[in-house]
Amino acid sequence: MLPRDAQETAQAFAVAYLQHDARDGHDTSYSSAGERAARYATADLGAVLSQKRPGQEAPWSALRREQALVTTKVPSVSVPDGAPAPDASSALARVSYVLTTTPRSGEAQRAGGQFAVRLARTANGWQVSDLPWA
């Protein structure tokens, strides 16, 4: 079982990393979410998350055209099947999520998924240090 504070960090990271607000006056790019998520990550990972990458342009353009708001709910954070048990300094977590994309006009769309995070206990508490298998 994950320590509660590690679970809370993984959940907060996922919400920050997966939510996007493409409405006027809000996020300026797809990487805005990475900048928010960096708060829950180690410095090395945080620097990577906030970078703008060419592969982000198309999904960001689609969200901007729709003036969409993407919200995230995290129903569970758990140790992945077959992963080593968490210890005092590191843990692997599987984060399950549901995204709701709400365009300015039209129906909201929901999609679920999951991803893994590696957590490290640092002087600042638990932080996401890697996105294995991403």
C-alpha atoms as a PDB file:
ATOM      1  CA  MET A   1       0.000   0.000   0.000  1.00  0.00           C
ATOM      2  CA  LEU A   2       1.207   3.496  -0.837  1.00  0.00           C
ATOM      3  CA  PRO A   3       1.891   5.944   1.970  1.00  0.00           C
ATOM      4  CA  ARG A   4      -0.973   8.442   2.137  1.00  0.00           C
ATOM      5  CA  ASP A   5       1.238  11.458   1.370  1.00  0.00           C
ATOM      6  CA  ALA A   6       2.745   9.672  -1.663  1.00  0.00           C
ATOM      7  CA  GLN A   7      -0.772   8.858  -2.882  1.00  0.00           C
ATOM      8  CA  GLU A   8      -1.835  12.492  -2.428  1.00  0.00           C
ATOM      9  CA  THR A   9       1.201  13.709  -4.390  1.00  0.00           C
ATOM     10  CA  ALA A  10       0.495  11.300  -7.254  1.00  0.00           C
ATOM     11  CA  GLN A  11      -3.143  12.421  -7.362  1.00  0.00           C
ATOM     12  CA  ALA A  12      -2.305  16.144  -7.267  1.00  0.00           C
ATOM     13  CA  PHE A  13       0.337  15.652  -9.963  1.00  0.00           C
ATOM     14  CA  ALA A  14      -2.140  13.849 -12.219  1.00  0.00           C
ATOM     15  CA  VAL A  15      -4.783  16.561 -11.880  1.00  0.00           C
ATOM     16  CA  ALA A  16      -2.256  19.317 -12.602  1.00  0.00           C
ATOM     17  CA  TYR A  17      -0.671  17.407 -15.500  1.00  0.00           C
ATOM     18  CA  LEU A  18      -3.872  16.340 -17.253  1.00  0.00           C
ATOM     19  CA  GLN A  19      -6.098  19.426 -16.918  1.00  0.00           C
ATOM     20  CA  HIS A  20      -6.083  22.066 -19.642  1.00  0.00           C
ATOM     21  CA  ASP A  21      -7.995  25.292 -20.003  1.00  0.00           C
ATOM     22  CA  ALA A  22      -7.969  26.460 -23.614  1.00  0.00           C
ATOM     23  CA  ARG A  23     -10.503  29.204 -23.060  1.00  0.00           C
ATOM     24  CA  ASP A  24      -9.407  32.764 -23.749  1.00  0.00           C
ATOM     25  CA  GLY A  25      -7.354  34.220 -20.923  1.00  0.00           C
ATOM     26  CA  HIS A  26      -6.360  30.891 -19.350  1.00  0.00           C
ATOM     27  CA  ASP A  27      -3.614  28.406 -20.368  1.00  0.00           C
ATOM     28  CA  THR A  28      -1.287  29.721 -23.046  1.00  0.00           C
ATOM     29  CA  SER A  29      -0.164  26.328 -24.373  1.00  0.00           C
ATOM     30  CA  TYR A  30      -0.404  22.615 -23.762  1.00  0.00           C
ATOM     31  CA  SER A  31       2.739  22.877 -21.641  1.00  0.00           C
ATOM     32  CA  SER A  32       0.946  25.122 -19.122  1.00  0.00           C
ATOM     33  CA  ALA A  33      -0.248  21.902 -17.491  1.00  0.00           C
ATOM     34  CA  GLY A  34       3.349  20.695 -17.281  1.00  0.00           C
ATOM     35  CA  GLU A  35       4.297  23.922 -15.561  1.00  0.00           C
ATOM     36  CA  ARG A  36       1.553  23.317 -12.959  1.00  0.00           C
ATOM     37  CA  ALA A  37       2.577  19.677 -12.521  1.00  0.00           C
ATOM     38  CA  ALA A  38       6.215  20.678 -11.963  1.00  0.00           C
ATOM     39  CA  ARG A  39       5.171  21.814  -8.483  1.00  0.00           C
ATOM     40  CA  TYR A  40       4.746  18.122  -7.558  1.00  0.00           C
ATOM     41  CA  ALA A  41       7.852  16.889  -9.404  1.00  0.00           C
ATOM     42  CA  THR A  42      11.571  16.802  -8.847  1.00  0.00           C
ATOM     43  CA  ALA A  43      13.507  19.662 -10.438  1.00  0.00           C
ATOM     44  CA  ASP A  44      14.804  17.468 -13.282  1.00  0.00           C
ATOM     45  CA  LEU A  45      11.377  16.175 -14.247  1.00  0.00           C
ATOM     46  CA  GLY A  46       9.773  19.584 -13.709  1.00  0.00           C
ATOM     47  CA  ALA A  47      12.134  21.151 -16.253  1.00  0.00           C
ATOM     48  CA  VAL A  48      11.113  18.560 -18.853  1.00  0.00           C
ATOM     49  CA  LEU A  49       7.390  18.865 -18.140  1.00  0.00           C
ATOM     50  CA  SER A  50       7.301  22.594 -18.772  1.00  0.00           C
ATOM     51  CA  GLN A  51       9.009  22.403 -22.178  1.00  0.00           C
ATOM     52  CA  LYS A  52       6.993  23.156 -25.280  1.00  0.00           C
ATOM     53  CA  ARG A  53       7.251  20.296 -27.782  1.00  0.00           C
ATOM     54  CA  PRO A  54       6.171  20.198 -31.434  1.00  0.00           C
ATOM     55  CA  GLY A  55       3.899  17.206 -30.751  1.00  0.00           C
ATOM     56  CA  GLN A  56       1.768  19.385 -28.471  1.00  0.00           C
ATOM     57  CA  GLU A  57       0.793  21.891 -31.153  1.00  0.00           C
ATOM     58  CA  ALA A  58      -1.961  19.856 -32.830  1.00  0.00           C
ATOM     59  CA  PRO A  59      -3.836  18.822 -29.657  1.00  0.00           C
ATOM     60  CA  TRP A  60      -3.515  22.348 -28.272  1.00  0.00           C
ATOM     61  CA  SER A  61      -4.870  23.846 -31.508  1.00  0.00           C
ATOM     62  CA  ALA A  62      -7.858  21.501 -31.333  1.00  0.00           C
ATOM     63  CA  LEU A  63      -8.591  22.507 -27.741  1.00  0.00           C
ATOM     64  CA  ARG A  64      -8.234  26.217 -28.609  1.00  0.00           C
ATOM     65  CA  ARG A  65     -10.624  25.911 -31.574  1.00  0.00           C
ATOM     66  CA  GLU A  66     -13.219  24.438 -29.227  1.00  0.00           C
ATOM     67  CA  GLN A  67     -12.353  26.812 -26.337  1.00  0.00           C
ATOM     68  CA  ALA A  68     -12.371  23.604 -24.320  1.00  0.00           C
ATOM     69  CA  LEU A  69     -11.886  22.990 -20.637  1.00  0.00           C
ATOM     70  CA  VAL A  70     -10.416  19.600 -19.716  1.00  0.00           C
ATOM     71  CA  THR A  71     -11.008  18.548 -16.113  1.00  0.00           C
ATOM     72  CA  THR A  72      -9.657  15.475 -14.348  1.00  0.00           C
ATOM     73  CA  LYS A  73     -10.953  13.174 -11.654  1.00  0.00           C
ATOM     74  CA  VAL A  74      -8.677  10.565 -10.084  1.00  0.00           C
ATOM     75  CA  PRO A  75     -10.736   7.666  -8.715  1.00  0.00           C
ATOM     76  CA  SER A  76      -7.718   5.623  -7.616  1.00  0.00           C
ATOM     77  CA  VAL A  77      -3.980   5.609  -6.991  1.00  0.00           C
ATOM     78  CA  SER A  78      -2.446   2.209  -6.294  1.00  0.00           C
ATOM     79  CA  VAL A  79       0.721   0.167  -6.517  1.00  0.00           C
ATOM     80  CA  PRO A  80       0.848  -1.417 -10.006  1.00  0.00           C
ATOM     81  CA  ASP A  81       0.490  -5.194 -10.216  1.00  0.00           C
ATOM     82  CA  GLY A  82       3.913  -6.812  -9.913  1.00  0.00           C
ATOM     83  CA  ALA A  83       5.646  -3.609  -8.772  1.00  0.00           C
ATOM     84  CA  PRO A  84       7.889  -3.689  -5.730  1.00  0.00           C
ATOM     85  CA  ALA A  85       6.340  -2.540  -2.484  1.00  0.00           C
ATOM     86  CA  PRO A  86       6.976   1.120  -1.625  1.00  0.00           C
ATOM     87  CA  ASP A  87       9.812   1.770   0.786  1.00  0.00           C
ATOM     88  CA  ALA A  88      10.867   4.812   2.778  1.00  0.00           C
ATOM     89  CA  SER A  89      12.467   6.517  -0.239  1.00  0.00           C
ATOM     90  CA  SER A  90      10.671   5.416  -3.409  1.00  0.00           C
ATOM     91  CA  ALA A  91       7.410   4.059  -4.766  1.00  0.00           C
ATOM     92  CA  LEU A  92       5.693   3.277  -8.043  1.00  0.00           C
ATOM     93  CA  ALA A  93       2.055   4.257  -8.433  1.00  0.00           C
ATOM     94  CA  ARG A  94      -0.632   3.639 -11.037  1.00  0.00           C
ATOM     95  CA  VAL A  95      -2.959   6.623 -11.357  1.00  0.00           C
ATOM     96  CA  SER A  96      -6.390   5.973 -12.858  1.00  0.00           C
ATOM     97  CA  TYR A  97      -8.176   9.036 -14.196  1.00  0.00           C
ATOM     98  CA  VAL A  98     -11.253  10.259 -16.021  1.00  0.00           C
ATOM     99  CA  LEU A  99     -10.951  13.294 -18.295  1.00  0.00           C
ATOM    100  CA  THR A 100     -13.966  15.415 -19.145  1.00  0.00           C
ATOM    101  CA  THR A 101     -13.493  17.697 -22.143  1.00  0.00           C
ATOM    102  CA  THR A 102     -16.134  20.403 -22.291  1.00  0.00           C
ATOM    103  CA  PRO A 103     -16.123  22.544 -25.444  1.00  0.00           C
ATOM    104  CA  ARG A 104     -17.645  26.024 -25.520  1.00  0.00           C
ATOM    105  CA  SER A 105     -20.542  24.552 -27.448  1.00  0.00           C
ATOM    106  CA  GLY A 106     -21.517  20.935 -27.806  1.00  0.00           C
ATOM    107  CA  GLU A 107     -21.524  17.902 -25.590  1.00  0.00           C
ATOM    108  CA  ALA A 108     -18.870  17.085 -23.011  1.00  0.00           C
ATOM    109  CA  GLN A 109     -16.770  14.020 -23.777  1.00  0.00           C
ATOM    110  CA  ARG A 110     -15.379  11.646 -21.160  1.00  0.00           C
ATOM    111  CA  ALA A 111     -12.381   9.357 -21.483  1.00  0.00           C
ATOM    112  CA  GLY A 112     -10.597   7.244 -18.934  1.00  0.00           C
ATOM    113  CA  GLY A 113      -7.068   6.038 -18.681  1.00  0.00           C
ATOM    114  CA  GLN A 114      -4.148   5.400 -16.412  1.00  0.00           C
ATOM    115  CA  PHE A 115      -0.436   6.076 -16.199  1.00  0.00           C
ATOM    116  CA  ALA A 116       2.431   5.246 -13.891  1.00  0.00           C
ATOM    117  CA  VAL A 117       4.544   7.583 -11.805  1.00  0.00           C
ATOM    118  CA  ARG A 118       7.718   6.951  -9.876  1.00  0.00           C
ATOM    119  CA  LEU A 119       7.798   8.839  -6.588  1.00  0.00           C
ATOM    120  CA  ALA A 120      10.849   9.763  -4.557  1.00  0.00           C
ATOM    121  CA  ARG A 121      10.932  11.020  -0.996  1.00  0.00           C
ATOM    122  CA  THR A 122      12.933  14.248  -1.016  1.00  0.00           C
ATOM    123  CA  ALA A 123      13.618  17.050   1.439  1.00  0.00           C
ATOM    124  CA  ASN A 124      10.325  18.514   0.123  1.00  0.00           C
ATOM    125  CA  GLY A 125       8.333  15.334   0.790  1.00  0.00           C
ATOM    126  CA  TRP A 126       7.157  12.922  -1.888  1.00  0.00           C
ATOM    127  CA  GLN A 127       7.691  14.144  -5.447  1.00  0.00           C
ATOM    128  CA  VAL A 128       7.137  12.565  -8.851  1.00  0.00           C
ATOM    129  CA  SER A 129      10.574  11.765 -10.244  1.00  0.00           C
ATOM    130  CA  ASP A 130       9.724   9.878 -13.434  1.00  0.00           C
ATOM    131  CA  LEU A 131       6.919   8.850 -15.733  1.00  0.00           C
ATOM    132  CA  PRO A 132       8.001   5.257 -16.477  1.00  0.00           C
ATOM    133  CA  TRP A 133       6.647   3.672 -19.613  1.00  0.00           C
ATOM    134  CA  ALA A 134       5.452   7.057 -20.933  1.00  0.00           C
END
